[in-house]
Amino acid sequence: MAQTDDKPDASNSAPIEQQLYAIRQKIQPRAVHGVFANWRVAMVLLTQLVYFGLPWLKWDERQAVLFDLAARKFYIAGWVFWPQDFVYLAGLLILSALALFLFTAVAGRLWCGYACPQTVYTEVFMWVEQWLEGDHIARKKLDAVPWSLSKLKKRGAKHLVWFVIALWTGFTFVGYFTPIRTLAAEAITWTLGPWESFWILFYAFATWGNAGFMREQVCKYMCPYARFQSVMFDSDTLTVTYDTSRGEPRGARGKKVDYKAAGLGACVDCGVCVQVCPTGIDIRNGLQYECIGCAACIDGCDQIMDKMGYPRGLIRYTTENVVKGKYADDGIFRHILRPRTILYGMLMLVIGSAFIVSLATRVPLRVDVVRDRVALSKETDDGLIENVYRLQLINKDGRAHRYTVEARGIPGLRVVLSQASISAAPLQTVDIPVSLVADPVELDDRSTEVQFTVRAIDAPGIVDEVKTRFFNR
């Protein structure tokens, strides 16, 4: 009898399909009230008050905050920054990154849960959704029913309000780069330029799509912070944590049941922590990268604990070391200062101090020098050596100034100006032809380093110096 091979034939086996992207299950979060929900509302109001209100503020008859890309000038209150001041932007970005690292090391994803634009606008859009379509149960029912005139009215009204908010957001965004009062006048008269129109609609579309449709997908799949946040965590970082020692074994029970005698934990397995989560995770499965730290599950669980007459804190902000029993909850604040946070704090202190000192001592004057390209030097009628230059003065101040020009580096060096006085209006750039004349007896080398000093007559503290070369015959 012929023997049969019991091994499966690979050529006849069915192909195995594996999805690399989980099919999205639409999340309709349940509304929740509590301490952390109030903090989220407060942060939404604060961030939007700053965002929408800031471009309307005026300072010295101009917009207080304006990034005028066409003129290459950034206005922030009384300061005017030019392309040469890029170092301040770099310093601000470094400080922002260090602050994010510090807050993450101390208390997890505070930025994501309370101040991130994605979180803020998703929260605003969900308020509109709840107002027009009802609570989470009503919204789920509306998702399930076929299209009808009633459903079309509700969905249409929701998207109309969403797009108005998104359009206002896009208009305000462009108002930081084009004077917002001018932008408003152009919008009313339908005379907006093509670039302004494009960016208003583009930003509005992005807000509408991210906050209205993608929501938690942005946090899960698009935001890089969710992927590298764990490197800033340690065992003393405050995170939203489910206390398994108190909650397990979980199970349903009546309010009057002695759950300890029944061998149960404090968790009644109600699922509220999952229902209120905007990313749809179950925090009872441990800390997950999808958790944005909004603490909605803490508020939801505390409400259930209050109804059952149990102590609050089954889900709470705590650290891994507390859960492991290395120290009690009252020891959390003593462990905030540790090598990681001290390092971040010291770096912020050093860079922040340097940033403030540099900003406070910043001179609102920039001088550049360009040599005459026709001839390096020439001899005057009286036998002296003359070099011709062009000084470019940038008055970065909001006031007009008059300036004097001096030069040194060669004994008896004389400055010859083409005009009696040099003046510059606020934020004006002026080009000044200037000649330096020296006695050839004082010139030992083929070229000598000289230095121009430009000083404001009415403000001696405003001074800038620039070096160049003086060439002999």
Protein backbone atom coordinates (compact mmCIF):
# COMPACT_ATOMS: atom_id res chain seq x y z
CA MET A 1 0.00 0.00 0.00
CA ALA A 2 1.30 3.37 -0.92
CA GLN A 3 2.09 5.66 1.95
CA THR A 4 0.40 9.05 2.09
CA ASP A 5 2.10 12.18 3.27
CA ASP A 6 0.27 13.70 6.22
CA LYS A 7 1.91 17.13 5.68
CA PRO A 8 -0.35 19.71 4.04
CA ASP A 9 0.41 20.60 0.46
CA ALA A 10 1.59 24.22 0.44
CA SER A 11 0.49 24.61 -3.17
CA ASN A 12 -3.13 23.77 -2.26
CA SER A 13 -3.33 25.76 1.00
CA ALA A 14 -5.56 28.83 0.98
CA PRO A 15 -3.75 32.22 1.13
CA ILE A 16 -3.78 33.93 4.47
CA GLU A 17 -4.90 37.56 4.45
CA GLN A 18 -3.72 39.89 7.14
CA GLN A 19 -4.90 43.49 7.41
CA LEU A 20 -2.28 46.06 8.26
CA TYR A 21 -4.90 48.68 9.13
CA ALA A 22 -7.75 48.02 11.52
CA ILE A 23 -11.19 48.78 10.14
CA ARG A 24 -12.41 51.85 11.96
CA GLN A 25 -15.33 51.50 14.33
CA LYS A 26 -16.98 54.90 14.63
CA ILE A 27 -16.73 56.20 18.19
CA GLN A 28 -19.57 58.19 19.73
CA PRO A 29 -18.19 59.16 23.15
CA ARG A 30 -20.53 59.48 26.07
CA ALA A 31 -20.69 62.93 27.71
CA VAL A 32 -19.08 63.10 31.12
CA HIS A 33 -18.89 65.69 33.89
CA GLY A 34 -16.28 66.18 36.55
CA VAL A 35 -13.10 67.96 37.55
CA PHE A 36 -11.10 67.02 34.47
CA ALA A 37 -14.01 67.69 32.12
CA ASN A 38 -14.19 71.20 33.59
CA TRP A 39 -10.46 71.63 32.97
CA ARG A 40 -10.92 70.61 29.34
CA VAL A 41 -13.75 73.12 28.89
CA ALA A 42 -11.62 75.84 30.48
CA MET A 43 -8.67 75.05 28.21
CA VAL A 44 -10.89 75.07 25.11
CA LEU A 45 -12.22 78.50 26.04
CA LEU A 46 -8.79 79.86 26.93
CA THR A 47 -7.00 78.62 23.81
CA GLN A 48 -9.76 79.82 21.49
CA LEU A 49 -9.98 83.20 23.20
CA VAL A 50 -6.25 83.66 22.57
CA TYR A 51 -6.35 82.28 19.03
CA PHE A 52 -9.38 84.22 17.79
CA GLY A 53 -8.78 87.38 19.82
CA LEU A 54 -5.06 87.97 19.38
CA PRO A 55 -5.09 89.19 15.75
CA TRP A 56 -7.71 91.84 16.58
CA LEU A 57 -5.54 93.53 19.19
CA LYS A 58 -3.79 96.74 18.12
CA TRP A 59 -0.41 98.13 19.12
CA ASP A 60 0.78 101.58 18.02
CA GLU A 61 -1.89 101.79 15.31
CA ARG A 62 -1.00 98.40 13.86
CA GLN A 63 -1.92 94.78 14.48
CA ALA A 64 -0.25 93.57 17.68
CA VAL A 65 0.66 90.14 16.28
CA LEU A 66 1.31 89.99 12.54
CA PHE A 67 3.64 87.80 10.51
CA ASP A 68 4.03 89.87 7.36
CA LEU A 69 5.76 87.42 5.04
CA ALA A 70 5.60 89.74 2.03
CA ALA A 71 7.48 92.50 3.87
CA ARG A 72 9.60 89.93 5.79
CA LYS A 73 8.71 91.47 9.13
CA PHE A 74 7.17 89.81 12.21
CA TYR A 75 5.34 92.13 14.60
CA ILE A 76 4.81 91.00 18.19
CA ALA A 77 3.60 93.82 20.45
CA GLY A 78 6.36 96.44 20.47
CA TRP A 79 8.96 94.18 18.84
CA VAL A 80 9.64 93.89 15.14
CA PHE A 81 11.63 90.85 14.00
CA TRP A 82 13.43 90.59 10.67
CA PRO A 83 14.83 87.57 8.80
CA GLN A 84 18.15 88.21 10.53
CA ASP A 85 16.43 87.53 13.87
CA PHE A 86 15.73 83.89 13.02
CA VAL A 87 17.73 82.86 16.10
CA TYR A 88 14.83 83.98 18.30
CA LEU A 89 12.44 81.65 16.51
CA ALA A 90 14.92 78.81 16.94
CA GLY A 91 15.20 79.59 20.67
CA LEU A 92 11.43 79.67 21.04
CA LEU A 93 11.05 76.30 19.32
CA ILE A 94 13.74 74.76 21.53
CA LEU A 95 12.03 76.09 24.66
CA SER A 96 8.66 74.74 23.46
CA ALA A 97 10.16 71.30 22.84
CA LEU A 98 11.83 71.22 26.27
CA ALA A 99 8.58 72.31 27.93
CA LEU A 100 6.77 69.48 26.16
CA PHE A 101 9.43 67.00 27.34
CA LEU A 102 9.21 68.32 30.92
CA PHE A 103 5.41 68.21 31.12
CA THR A 104 5.39 64.73 29.58
CA ALA A 105 7.97 63.43 32.05
CA VAL A 106 5.99 64.84 34.98
CA ALA A 107 2.37 64.15 34.03
CA GLY A 108 2.17 62.36 30.70
CA ARG A 109 0.28 63.69 27.71
CA LEU A 110 -1.06 66.92 29.20
CA TRP A 111 -0.61 68.71 25.88
CA CYS A 112 -2.61 66.08 24.00
CA GLY A 113 -5.41 65.91 26.52
CA TYR A 114 -6.01 69.61 27.07
CA ALA A 115 -4.31 71.97 24.60
CA CYS A 116 -3.58 70.19 21.31
CA PRO A 117 -5.57 71.82 18.45
CA GLN A 118 -6.78 68.38 17.36
CA THR A 119 -8.18 67.72 20.83
CA VAL A 120 -9.62 71.22 21.21
CA TYR A 121 -11.46 71.30 17.90
CA THR A 122 -12.64 67.73 18.23
CA GLU A 123 -14.13 68.75 21.59
CA VAL A 124 -15.83 71.78 20.01
CA PHE A 125 -17.21 69.71 17.14
CA MET A 126 -18.54 67.08 19.58
CA TRP A 127 -20.35 69.82 21.52
CA VAL A 128 -22.09 70.83 18.29
CA GLU A 129 -22.86 67.18 17.53
CA GLN A 130 -24.38 66.62 20.96
CA TRP A 131 -26.40 69.83 20.69
CA LEU A 132 -27.92 68.95 17.30
CA GLU A 133 -28.08 65.14 17.33
CA GLY A 134 -28.45 64.24 21.00
CA ASP A 135 -26.46 62.09 23.40
CA HIS A 136 -24.24 59.18 22.41
CA ILE A 137 -27.15 56.73 22.29
CA ALA A 138 -29.19 59.01 20.03
CA ARG A 139 -26.20 59.50 17.75
CA LYS A 140 -25.61 55.76 17.47
CA LYS A 141 -29.25 55.25 16.55
CA LEU A 142 -29.01 58.01 13.97
CA ASP A 143 -25.95 56.32 12.46
CA ALA A 144 -27.86 53.04 12.17
CA VAL A 145 -31.11 54.28 10.60
CA PRO A 146 -31.36 54.73 6.80
CA TRP A 147 -31.28 58.17 5.28
CA SER A 148 -34.48 60.19 5.64
CA LEU A 149 -35.52 63.84 5.59
CA SER A 150 -35.14 64.02 9.39
CA LYS A 151 -31.65 62.52 9.31
CA LEU A 152 -30.67 64.77 6.41
CA LYS A 153 -31.79 67.85 8.35
CA LYS A 154 -29.82 66.90 11.46
CA ARG A 155 -26.67 65.95 9.59
CA GLY A 156 -26.94 68.96 7.30
CA ALA A 157 -27.34 71.37 10.21
CA LYS A 158 -24.38 69.77 11.99
CA HIS A 159 -22.07 70.03 9.01
CA LEU A 160 -23.19 73.58 8.31
CA VAL A 161 -22.24 74.66 11.85
CA TRP A 162 -19.02 72.65 11.63
CA PHE A 163 -18.02 74.35 8.39
CA VAL A 164 -18.85 77.83 9.72
CA ILE A 165 -16.54 77.17 12.70
CA ALA A 166 -13.87 75.74 10.40
CA LEU A 167 -14.18 78.71 8.02
CA TRP A 168 -13.83 81.14 10.89
CA THR A 169 -10.78 79.21 12.04
CA GLY A 170 -9.21 79.42 8.57
CA PHE A 171 -10.01 83.13 8.29
CA THR A 172 -8.34 83.79 11.66
CA PHE A 173 -5.29 81.74 10.68
CA VAL A 174 -4.76 83.84 7.55
CA GLY A 175 -5.38 86.94 9.69
CA TYR A 176 -2.05 86.31 11.40
CA PHE A 177 -0.28 86.79 8.03
CA THR A 178 -2.49 89.42 6.38
CA PRO A 179 -3.84 92.28 8.54
CA ILE A 180 -7.12 90.86 9.74
CA ARG A 181 -9.09 94.09 9.40
CA THR A 182 -7.97 94.38 5.79
CA LEU A 183 -8.80 90.71 5.32
CA ALA A 184 -12.29 91.21 6.77
CA ALA A 185 -12.96 94.19 4.47
CA GLU A 186 -11.82 92.16 1.45
CA ALA A 187 -13.98 89.21 2.48
CA ILE A 188 -17.06 91.43 2.84
CA THR A 189 -16.52 93.00 -0.58
CA TRP A 190 -15.52 89.68 -2.22
CA THR A 191 -12.11 91.02 -3.21
CA LEU A 192 -9.91 88.44 -1.48
CA GLY A 193 -6.71 87.58 -3.28
CA PRO A 194 -6.14 84.05 -4.61
CA TRP A 195 -3.62 83.07 -1.95
CA GLU A 196 -5.74 84.35 0.94
CA SER A 197 -8.76 82.49 -0.45
CA PHE A 198 -6.77 79.29 -0.91
CA TRP A 199 -5.35 79.24 2.62
CA ILE A 200 -8.66 80.14 4.27
CA LEU A 201 -10.43 77.29 2.47
CA PHE A 202 -7.51 74.87 2.90
CA TYR A 203 -7.24 75.46 6.66
CA ALA A 204 -11.03 75.30 7.00
CA PHE A 205 -11.15 72.02 5.10
CA ALA A 206 -8.34 70.57 7.25
CA THR A 207 -10.12 71.59 10.46
CA TRP A 208 -13.46 70.23 9.24
CA GLY A 209 -11.93 66.93 8.15
CA ASN A 210 -9.64 66.34 11.14
CA ALA A 211 -12.05 67.37 13.90
CA GLY A 212 -15.26 66.22 12.23
CA PHE A 213 -14.32 62.95 10.54
CA MET A 214 -10.84 61.65 11.40
CA ARG A 215 -10.80 62.57 15.10
CA GLU A 216 -9.04 59.82 17.02
CA GLN A 217 -7.46 58.51 13.80
CA VAL A 218 -5.20 61.57 13.78
CA CYS A 219 -3.99 60.75 17.29
CA LYS A 220 -3.56 57.06 16.57
CA TYR A 221 -1.96 57.04 13.15
CA MET A 222 -0.87 60.51 12.10
CA CYS A 223 0.57 62.15 15.22
CA PRO A 224 4.24 61.21 15.77
CA TYR A 225 4.08 62.23 19.43
CA ALA A 226 2.02 59.14 20.26
CA ARG A 227 4.88 56.97 19.02
CA PHE A 228 7.83 58.48 20.85
CA GLN A 229 6.13 59.67 24.05
CA SER A 230 7.15 56.50 25.87
CA VAL A 231 10.84 57.47 25.83
CA MET A 232 9.94 60.43 28.08
CA PHE A 233 8.00 58.29 30.57
CA ASP A 234 9.48 56.59 33.59
CA SER A 235 8.11 54.82 36.65
CA ASP A 236 7.46 58.16 38.39
CA THR A 237 5.49 59.76 35.55
CA LEU A 238 1.88 60.57 36.38
CA THR A 239 -0.43 58.76 33.96
CA VAL A 240 -4.08 57.80 33.81
CA THR A 241 -4.02 54.41 35.52
CA TYR A 242 -6.51 51.72 36.46
CA ASP A 243 -5.73 50.29 39.91
CA THR A 244 -5.95 46.55 39.34
CA SER A 245 -5.30 45.79 43.01
CA ARG A 246 -8.55 47.56 43.90
CA GLY A 247 -10.62 46.78 40.83
CA GLU A 248 -10.02 43.07 40.21
CA PRO A 249 -11.72 40.73 39.96
CA ARG A 250 -14.34 42.92 38.29
CA GLY A 251 -18.00 42.02 38.02
CA ALA A 252 -21.55 43.33 38.14
CA ARG A 253 -23.32 43.51 41.51
CA GLY A 254 -26.08 45.34 43.30
CA LYS A 255 -25.40 48.47 45.27
CA LYS A 256 -26.17 46.75 48.59
CA VAL A 257 -23.90 43.78 47.94
CA ASP A 258 -20.74 43.51 50.05
CA TYR A 259 -18.39 43.07 47.11
CA LYS A 260 -15.42 42.17 49.29
CA ALA A 261 -17.35 39.34 50.90
CA ALA A 262 -18.40 38.22 47.42
CA GLY A 263 -14.76 38.09 46.37
CA LEU A 264 -15.07 40.97 43.91
CA GLY A 265 -13.05 44.09 43.32
CA ALA A 266 -14.36 47.64 43.16
CA CYS A 267 -14.82 47.61 39.37
CA VAL A 268 -18.48 46.91 38.56
CA ASP A 269 -17.62 46.29 34.89
CA CYS A 270 -20.06 48.98 33.75
CA GLY A 271 -17.95 49.99 30.74
CA VAL A 272 -18.38 53.72 31.34
CA CYS A 273 -14.60 54.26 31.15
CA VAL A 274 -14.68 52.85 27.61
CA GLN A 275 -17.85 54.73 26.62
CA VAL A 276 -16.42 58.16 27.51
CA CYS A 277 -12.99 57.57 25.92
CA PRO A 278 -12.55 59.67 22.75
CA THR A 279 -10.10 57.13 21.31
CA GLY A 280 -12.20 54.08 22.29
CA ILE A 281 -9.65 52.22 24.42
CA ASP A 282 -10.19 50.28 27.63
CA ILE A 283 -7.86 51.79 30.22
CA ARG A 284 -8.30 48.66 32.34
CA ASN A 285 -6.00 46.89 29.88
CA GLY A 286 -3.12 49.10 30.99
CA LEU A 287 -1.46 52.19 29.58
CA GLN A 288 -1.70 52.33 25.77
CA TYR A 289 -0.18 54.68 23.25
CA GLU A 290 -3.67 55.65 22.04
CA CYS A 291 -4.44 57.21 25.44
CA ILE A 292 -4.25 61.01 25.09
CA GLY A 293 -4.43 61.62 28.85
CA CYS A 294 -7.74 63.53 28.76
CA ALA A 295 -8.85 61.81 32.02
CA ALA A 296 -12.45 61.43 30.83
CA CYS A 297 -12.35 57.87 32.18
CA ILE A 298 -11.41 59.21 35.63
CA ASP A 299 -14.47 61.46 35.72
CA GLY A 300 -16.70 58.64 34.43
CA CYS A 301 -15.41 56.10 36.93
CA ASP A 302 -15.66 58.55 39.83
CA GLN A 303 -19.33 59.10 39.03
CA ILE A 304 -19.96 55.36 39.20
CA MET A 305 -17.98 55.04 42.43
CA ASP A 306 -20.09 57.82 43.95
CA LYS A 307 -23.31 56.03 42.95
CA MET A 308 -22.07 52.76 44.42
CA GLY A 309 -20.78 54.41 47.60
CA TYR A 310 -17.19 53.29 46.93
CA PRO A 311 -14.09 55.48 47.37
CA ARG A 312 -13.01 57.41 44.31
CA GLY A 313 -9.70 56.78 42.57
CA LEU A 314 -10.17 53.37 41.00
CA ILE A 315 -8.97 55.13 37.86
CA ARG A 316 -6.77 58.10 38.68
CA TYR A 317 -3.63 60.00 37.88
CA THR A 318 -0.85 58.06 39.56
CA THR A 319 2.54 56.53 38.86
CA GLU A 320 3.74 53.03 38.13
CA ASN A 321 5.71 52.97 41.39
CA VAL A 322 2.59 53.82 43.40
CA VAL A 323 0.68 50.96 41.76
CA LYS A 324 3.59 48.63 42.56
CA GLY A 325 3.45 49.75 46.18
CA LYS A 326 6.89 51.37 46.29
CA TYR A 327 5.39 54.49 47.87
CA ALA A 328 1.95 55.88 48.66
CA ASP A 329 -0.03 58.47 46.68
CA ASP A 330 1.12 61.23 49.01
CA GLY A 331 4.71 60.59 47.91
CA ILE A 332 4.08 61.46 44.26
CA PHE A 333 5.02 65.11 44.56
CA ARG A 334 8.28 64.26 46.31
CA HIS A 335 9.31 62.26 43.23
CA ILE A 336 8.63 65.01 40.69
CA LEU A 337 12.18 66.28 41.14
CA ARG A 338 14.37 63.55 39.68
CA PRO A 339 17.32 63.53 37.25
CA ARG A 340 15.16 63.63 34.13
CA THR A 341 12.97 66.54 35.19
CA ILE A 342 15.88 68.43 36.77
CA LEU A 343 17.81 68.17 33.48
CA TYR A 344 14.85 69.45 31.45
CA GLY A 345 14.27 72.24 33.97
CA MET A 346 17.90 73.33 33.98
CA LEU A 347 18.08 73.38 30.18
CA MET A 348 14.90 75.46 30.06
CA LEU A 349 16.29 77.84 32.68
CA VAL A 350 19.60 78.34 30.85
CA ILE A 351 18.11 78.72 27.37
CA GLY A 352 15.18 80.79 28.66
CA SER A 353 17.51 83.15 30.53
CA ALA A 354 19.71 83.58 27.47
CA PHE A 355 16.60 84.17 25.34
CA ILE A 356 15.27 86.87 27.70
CA VAL A 357 18.64 88.59 28.10
CA SER A 358 19.22 88.60 24.35
CA LEU A 359 15.74 89.96 23.73
CA ALA A 360 16.11 92.65 26.41
CA THR A 361 19.50 93.80 25.07
CA ARG A 362 18.49 93.54 21.42
CA VAL A 363 19.57 96.62 19.44
CA PRO A 364 16.95 97.79 16.89
CA LEU A 365 19.60 98.58 14.29
CA ARG A 366 21.35 96.46 11.70
CA VAL A 367 24.26 97.71 9.59
CA ASP A 368 25.78 95.91 6.61
CA VAL A 369 28.65 97.13 4.46
CA VAL A 370 29.31 96.46 0.78
CA ARG A 371 32.51 97.56 -0.99
CA ASP A 372 32.57 99.41 -4.30
CA ARG A 373 32.99 96.71 -6.96
CA VAL A 374 34.48 99.01 -9.57
CA ALA A 375 37.78 99.79 -7.82
CA LEU A 376 39.29 98.53 -4.59
CA SER A 377 40.98 101.89 -3.94
CA LYS A 378 41.97 105.12 -5.65
CA GLU A 379 44.31 108.03 -5.04
CA THR A 380 42.82 111.48 -4.45
CA ASP A 381 44.23 114.71 -5.90
CA ASP A 382 46.04 115.47 -2.63
CA GLY A 383 47.79 112.08 -2.54
CA LEU A 384 45.49 110.30 -0.04
CA ILE A 385 44.01 106.81 -0.47
CA GLU A 386 40.21 106.56 -0.77
CA ASN A 387 37.97 103.47 -0.48
CA VAL A 388 34.28 103.67 -1.37
CA TYR A 389 31.59 101.66 0.43
CA ARG A 390 27.84 101.43 0.71
CA LEU A 391 26.31 101.16 4.17
CA GLN A 392 22.89 99.55 4.47
CA LEU A 393 21.09 100.69 7.63
CA ILE A 394 18.00 98.84 8.82
CA ASN A 395 16.02 100.76 11.44
CA LYS A 396 14.24 97.97 13.32
CA ASP A 397 12.65 100.38 15.77
CA GLY A 398 9.11 101.72 15.69
CA ARG A 399 10.51 105.28 15.87
CA ALA A 400 12.49 107.37 13.41
CA HIS A 401 16.17 108.02 14.19
CA ARG A 402 19.10 110.12 12.97
CA TYR A 403 22.53 108.52 12.94
CA THR A 404 26.21 109.37 12.98
CA VAL A 405 28.90 107.30 11.23
CA GLU A 406 32.40 106.83 12.61
CA ALA A 407 35.33 104.66 11.52
CA ARG A 408 38.51 103.48 13.18
CA GLY A 409 41.37 101.10 12.55
CA ILE A 410 43.85 103.47 10.85
CA PRO A 411 45.35 106.60 12.47
CA GLY A 412 43.81 109.75 10.99
CA LEU A 413 41.07 107.79 9.15
CA ARG A 414 38.41 110.20 7.88
CA VAL A 415 34.75 109.49 6.98
CA VAL A 416 33.28 111.28 3.97
CA LEU A 417 29.49 111.18 3.62
CA SER A 418 27.47 112.17 0.61
CA GLN A 419 24.88 113.86 2.83
CA ALA A 420 25.06 115.95 5.97
CA SER A 421 22.88 113.70 8.14
CA ILE A 422 21.54 110.16 7.97
CA SER A 423 17.95 109.54 8.99
CA ALA A 424 15.66 106.52 8.78
CA ALA A 425 11.92 106.30 9.29
CA PRO A 426 10.43 103.54 11.46
CA LEU A 427 11.24 100.09 10.02
CA GLN A 428 12.98 101.67 7.04
CA THR A 429 16.07 100.44 5.19
CA VAL A 430 18.37 103.11 3.78
CA ASP A 431 21.54 102.84 1.65
CA ILE A 432 24.30 105.38 2.39
CA PRO A 433 27.33 105.88 0.09
CA VAL A 434 30.37 106.54 2.27
CA SER A 435 34.08 106.95 1.61
CA LEU A 436 37.05 106.37 3.89
CA VAL A 437 40.19 108.44 3.30
CA ALA A 438 43.58 107.61 4.85
CA ASP A 439 47.15 108.84 4.58
CA PRO A 440 49.30 106.24 2.73
CA VAL A 441 52.05 106.83 5.31
CA GLU A 442 49.82 105.11 7.88
CA LEU A 443 49.22 102.07 5.65
CA ASP A 444 51.78 99.34 6.21
CA ASP A 445 49.99 96.42 4.54
CA ARG A 446 48.16 95.82 1.30
CA SER A 447 44.88 95.83 3.29
CA THR A 448 43.92 96.86 6.81
CA GLU A 449 40.90 95.94 8.87
CA VAL A 450 38.66 98.91 9.72
CA GLN A 451 35.41 99.18 11.61
CA PHE A 452 32.33 101.32 11.00
CA THR A 453 30.32 102.45 14.03
CA VAL A 454 26.79 103.75 13.46
CA ARG A 455 25.07 105.37 16.43
CA ALA A 456 21.64 106.93 16.88
CA ILE A 457 21.97 110.61 17.83
CA ASP A 458 18.75 110.68 19.89
CA ALA A 459 19.36 107.26 21.51
CA PRO A 460 23.09 106.58 22.12
CA GLY A 461 22.30 103.04 23.27
CA ILE A 462 21.26 102.15 19.72
CA VAL A 463 24.58 101.37 18.07
CA ASP A 464 25.91 98.75 15.68
CA GLU A 465 29.38 98.00 14.39
CA VAL A 466 30.54 96.28 11.23
CA LYS A 467 34.02 95.37 10.05
CA THR A 468 35.49 95.54 6.56
CA ARG A 469 38.87 95.96 4.79
CA PHE A 470 40.62 99.13 3.64
CA PHE A 471 42.86 98.54 0.64
CA ASN A 472 46.06 100.38 -0.21
CA ARG A 473 47.17 101.11 -3.77
